[in-house]
Amino acid sequence: MSIEIANESGVAVDEPSIVAAARFALDRMKVSRLAELSVLLVGLDEMADLHERYMDLPGPTDVMAFPMDELESARRPDAPDPGPTLLGDLVLCPRFARDQARKAGHSLMDELHLLTVHGVLHLLGYDHAEPAEEREMFTLQKRLLGDFRSERAVAQRRAAQRREDDKLLGAAGFVETERKPDTDDAAE
């Protein structure tokens, strides 16, 4: 699965983490590994322009999703293997998201993960215009985010434990630690 990210927002964020959230949601939703997604982070002015141009609404917003190709859910058995499917573009506005994160009482990255999953669901055809649609989408979004956070926390704990184990094993002489070349090695 190809996920490209470009940060033109002027706000430093953990881009690999946003990609991980998108990939997790797409994997859980069983989207083809051939799918392609583009994520663009923009400033307030750029987002306000997009929001007005495409939604006819004033001011910036947090996330916009621009679907491209229809997903092929049913194909003939004798059809050739499909090529890459361009899901579309997600546009996030970190400055707008920062204010929402403060109001919600969580970090900017938590908000950007939420918006990424929300946008992915929009690209997959989910909406929240009607109450029943909203319940379905937001229930799924909450489950995906919870699972993503849980798996991420487990992975972070394991990585921290590995680092600690390596330090301990290195101090005990069981694992060769990196050594700096001494001057004799450098001269050879």
Protein backbone atom coordinates (compact mmCIF):
# COMPACT_ATOMS: atom_id res chain seq x y z
CA MET A 1 0.00 0.00 0.00
CA SER A 2 1.44 3.33 -1.01
CA ILE A 3 0.76 6.30 1.24
CA GLU A 4 2.47 9.55 0.34
CA ILE A 5 2.49 12.46 2.79
CA ALA A 6 3.49 16.06 2.23
CA ASN A 7 3.57 18.64 4.99
CA GLU A 8 3.06 22.14 3.65
CA SER A 9 1.42 23.40 6.84
CA GLY A 10 4.43 24.89 8.58
CA VAL A 11 3.59 22.80 11.67
CA ALA A 12 6.03 20.07 12.68
CA VAL A 13 4.18 16.80 13.17
CA ASP A 14 5.09 13.13 13.34
CA GLU A 15 4.39 12.32 9.68
CA PRO A 16 5.21 8.58 9.95
CA SER A 17 2.62 8.34 12.73
CA ILE A 18 -0.07 9.84 10.48
CA VAL A 19 0.88 7.37 7.74
CA ALA A 20 0.70 4.54 10.31
CA ALA A 21 -2.82 5.58 11.33
CA ALA A 22 -3.95 5.68 7.69
CA ARG A 23 -2.33 2.32 6.91
CA PHE A 24 -3.87 0.74 10.02
CA ALA A 25 -7.38 1.94 9.08
CA LEU A 26 -6.99 0.81 5.47
CA ASP A 27 -5.68 -2.59 6.54
CA ARG A 28 -8.52 -3.07 9.02
CA MET A 29 -11.02 -2.08 6.35
CA LYS A 30 -9.45 -4.72 4.08
CA VAL A 31 -8.52 -2.24 1.36
CA SER A 32 -6.31 -3.72 -1.37
CA ARG A 33 -2.57 -3.56 -0.80
CA LEU A 34 -2.38 -2.01 -4.28
CA ALA A 35 -4.27 1.07 -3.10
CA GLU A 36 -2.62 4.47 -3.13
CA LEU A 37 -3.38 7.37 -0.82
CA SER A 38 -2.08 10.90 -0.67
CA VAL A 39 -2.08 12.92 2.57
CA LEU A 40 -1.46 16.64 2.43
CA LEU A 41 -1.08 18.89 5.47
CA VAL A 42 -1.88 22.53 4.77
CA GLY A 43 -2.16 25.85 6.55
CA LEU A 44 -5.32 27.69 7.53
CA ASP A 45 -5.50 29.84 4.39
CA GLU A 46 -5.10 26.90 2.03
CA MET A 47 -7.71 24.89 3.92
CA ALA A 48 -10.14 27.81 3.95
CA ASP A 49 -9.73 28.10 0.18
CA LEU A 50 -10.40 24.38 -0.36
CA HIS A 51 -13.33 24.42 2.06
CA GLU A 52 -14.99 27.30 0.25
CA ARG A 53 -14.18 26.02 -3.25
CA TYR A 54 -15.36 22.44 -2.76
CA MET A 55 -17.88 22.63 0.08
CA ASP A 56 -19.11 26.21 -0.41
CA LEU A 57 -18.50 26.83 3.31
CA PRO A 58 -16.52 29.75 4.74
CA GLY A 59 -13.33 29.41 6.75
CA PRO A 60 -10.97 26.53 7.32
CA THR A 61 -11.88 23.06 8.55
CA ASP A 62 -9.95 20.15 10.05
CA VAL A 63 -10.03 17.48 7.32
CA MET A 64 -11.27 17.11 3.77
CA ALA A 65 -11.40 13.91 1.76
CA PHE A 66 -11.27 13.82 -2.02
CA PRO A 67 -12.08 10.31 -3.31
CA MET A 68 -10.68 9.35 -6.71
CA ASP A 69 -11.44 5.83 -7.95
CA GLU A 70 -14.33 3.59 -7.12
CA LEU A 71 -13.17 0.54 -5.19
CA GLU A 72 -13.68 -2.68 -7.10
CA SER A 73 -15.63 -4.92 -4.77
CA ALA A 74 -16.91 -7.36 -7.39
CA ARG A 75 -14.93 -8.49 -10.40
CA ARG A 76 -15.32 -11.35 -12.83
CA PRO A 77 -13.13 -14.34 -11.94
CA ASP A 78 -11.45 -14.19 -15.36
CA ALA A 79 -10.70 -10.45 -15.10
CA PRO A 80 -7.02 -9.47 -15.07
CA ASP A 81 -5.48 -8.51 -11.76
CA PRO A 82 -6.37 -4.94 -10.96
CA GLY A 83 -3.76 -2.24 -11.06
CA PRO A 84 -3.17 0.22 -8.27
CA THR A 85 -6.31 1.95 -7.05
CA LEU A 86 -5.96 5.62 -6.26
CA LEU A 87 -8.24 6.05 -3.25
CA GLY A 88 -7.85 9.78 -3.19
CA ASP A 89 -6.44 12.63 -1.20
CA LEU A 90 -6.77 13.52 2.46
CA VAL A 91 -6.11 17.11 3.38
CA LEU A 92 -5.45 17.88 7.05
CA CYS A 93 -5.02 21.25 8.72
CA PRO A 94 -2.80 20.89 11.81
CA ARG A 95 -3.34 24.49 12.99
CA PHE A 96 -7.11 23.99 12.98
CA ALA A 97 -6.68 20.55 14.57
CA ARG A 98 -4.50 22.02 17.33
CA ASP A 99 -7.42 24.13 18.62
CA GLN A 100 -9.74 21.11 18.48
CA ALA A 101 -7.21 19.01 20.37
CA ARG A 102 -6.99 21.60 23.15
CA LYS A 103 -10.78 21.70 23.47
CA ALA A 104 -10.95 17.88 23.51
CA GLY A 105 -8.14 17.66 26.07
CA HIS A 106 -5.75 15.53 24.04
CA SER A 107 -2.60 15.97 21.97
CA LEU A 108 -2.34 17.31 18.45
CA MET A 109 -1.18 13.88 17.26
CA ASP A 110 -4.23 12.23 18.82
CA GLU A 111 -6.40 14.69 16.93
CA LEU A 112 -4.51 14.13 13.67
CA HIS A 113 -4.88 10.36 14.08
CA LEU A 114 -8.62 10.83 14.59
CA LEU A 115 -8.89 13.08 11.54
CA THR A 116 -6.83 10.67 9.44
CA VAL A 117 -9.09 7.73 10.29
CA HIS A 118 -12.15 9.94 9.77
CA GLY A 119 -10.87 10.99 6.34
CA VAL A 120 -10.03 7.42 5.34
CA LEU A 121 -13.58 6.37 6.19
CA HIS A 122 -14.92 9.19 4.01
CA LEU A 123 -12.72 7.97 1.14
CA LEU A 124 -14.23 4.52 1.62
CA GLY A 125 -17.75 5.89 1.26
CA TYR A 126 -18.79 6.47 4.86
CA ASP A 127 -20.66 9.64 5.73
CA HIS A 128 -22.34 11.28 8.70
CA ALA A 129 -25.07 13.37 7.08
CA GLU A 130 -27.89 11.28 8.54
CA PRO A 131 -28.14 10.11 12.19
CA ALA A 132 -27.90 6.40 11.30
CA GLU A 133 -24.88 7.04 9.05
CA GLU A 134 -23.26 9.11 11.77
CA ARG A 135 -23.71 6.36 14.36
CA GLU A 136 -22.24 3.76 12.00
CA MET A 137 -19.27 5.91 10.94
CA PHE A 138 -18.40 7.23 14.38
CA THR A 139 -18.71 3.78 16.00
CA LEU A 140 -16.33 2.37 13.40
CA GLN A 141 -14.00 5.36 13.76
CA LYS A 142 -13.91 4.94 17.55
CA ARG A 143 -13.16 1.22 17.25
CA LEU A 144 -10.39 1.75 14.68
CA LEU A 145 -8.77 4.49 16.76
CA GLY A 146 -8.96 2.43 19.94
CA ASP A 147 -7.38 -0.57 18.23
CA PHE A 148 -4.70 1.61 16.63
CA ARG A 149 -3.81 3.21 19.97
CA SER A 150 -3.74 -0.14 21.76
CA GLU A 151 -1.51 -1.79 19.18
CA ARG A 152 0.75 1.24 19.06
CA ALA A 153 1.11 1.30 22.86
CA VAL A 154 2.02 -2.41 22.90
CA ALA A 155 4.61 -1.87 20.15
CA GLN A 156 6.11 1.10 22.03
CA ARG A 157 6.32 -0.90 25.27
CA ARG A 158 8.01 -3.79 23.45
CA ALA A 159 10.52 -1.46 21.79
CA ALA A 160 11.32 0.18 25.13
CA GLN A 161 11.77 -3.24 26.73
CA ARG A 162 14.08 -4.35 23.89
CA ARG A 163 16.21 -1.23 24.40
CA GLU A 164 16.43 -1.90 28.13
CA ASP A 165 17.24 -5.58 27.55
CA ASP A 166 19.97 -4.66 25.06
CA LYS A 167 21.51 -2.22 27.56
CA LEU A 168 21.48 -4.82 30.31
CA LEU A 169 22.86 -7.57 28.07
CA GLY A 170 25.49 -5.19 26.74
CA ALA A 171 26.58 -4.20 30.26
CA ALA A 172 26.84 -7.89 31.19
CA GLY A 173 28.94 -8.56 28.09
CA PHE A 174 26.42 -10.82 26.36
CA VAL A 175 25.75 -8.43 23.48
CA GLU A 176 28.47 -6.60 21.64
CA THR A 177 27.78 -2.90 21.90
CA GLU A 178 28.78 -0.50 19.20
CA ARG A 179 32.29 0.72 19.76
CA LYS A 180 33.84 3.86 18.50
CA PRO A 181 36.84 3.31 16.25
CA ASP A 182 40.03 4.15 18.09
CA THR A 183 42.77 6.13 16.46
CA ASP A 184 44.71 2.99 15.47
CA ASP A 185 41.66 1.62 13.59
CA ALA A 186 41.08 4.93 11.87
CA ALA A 187 44.69 5.09 10.65
CA GLU A 188 44.52 1.71 8.89
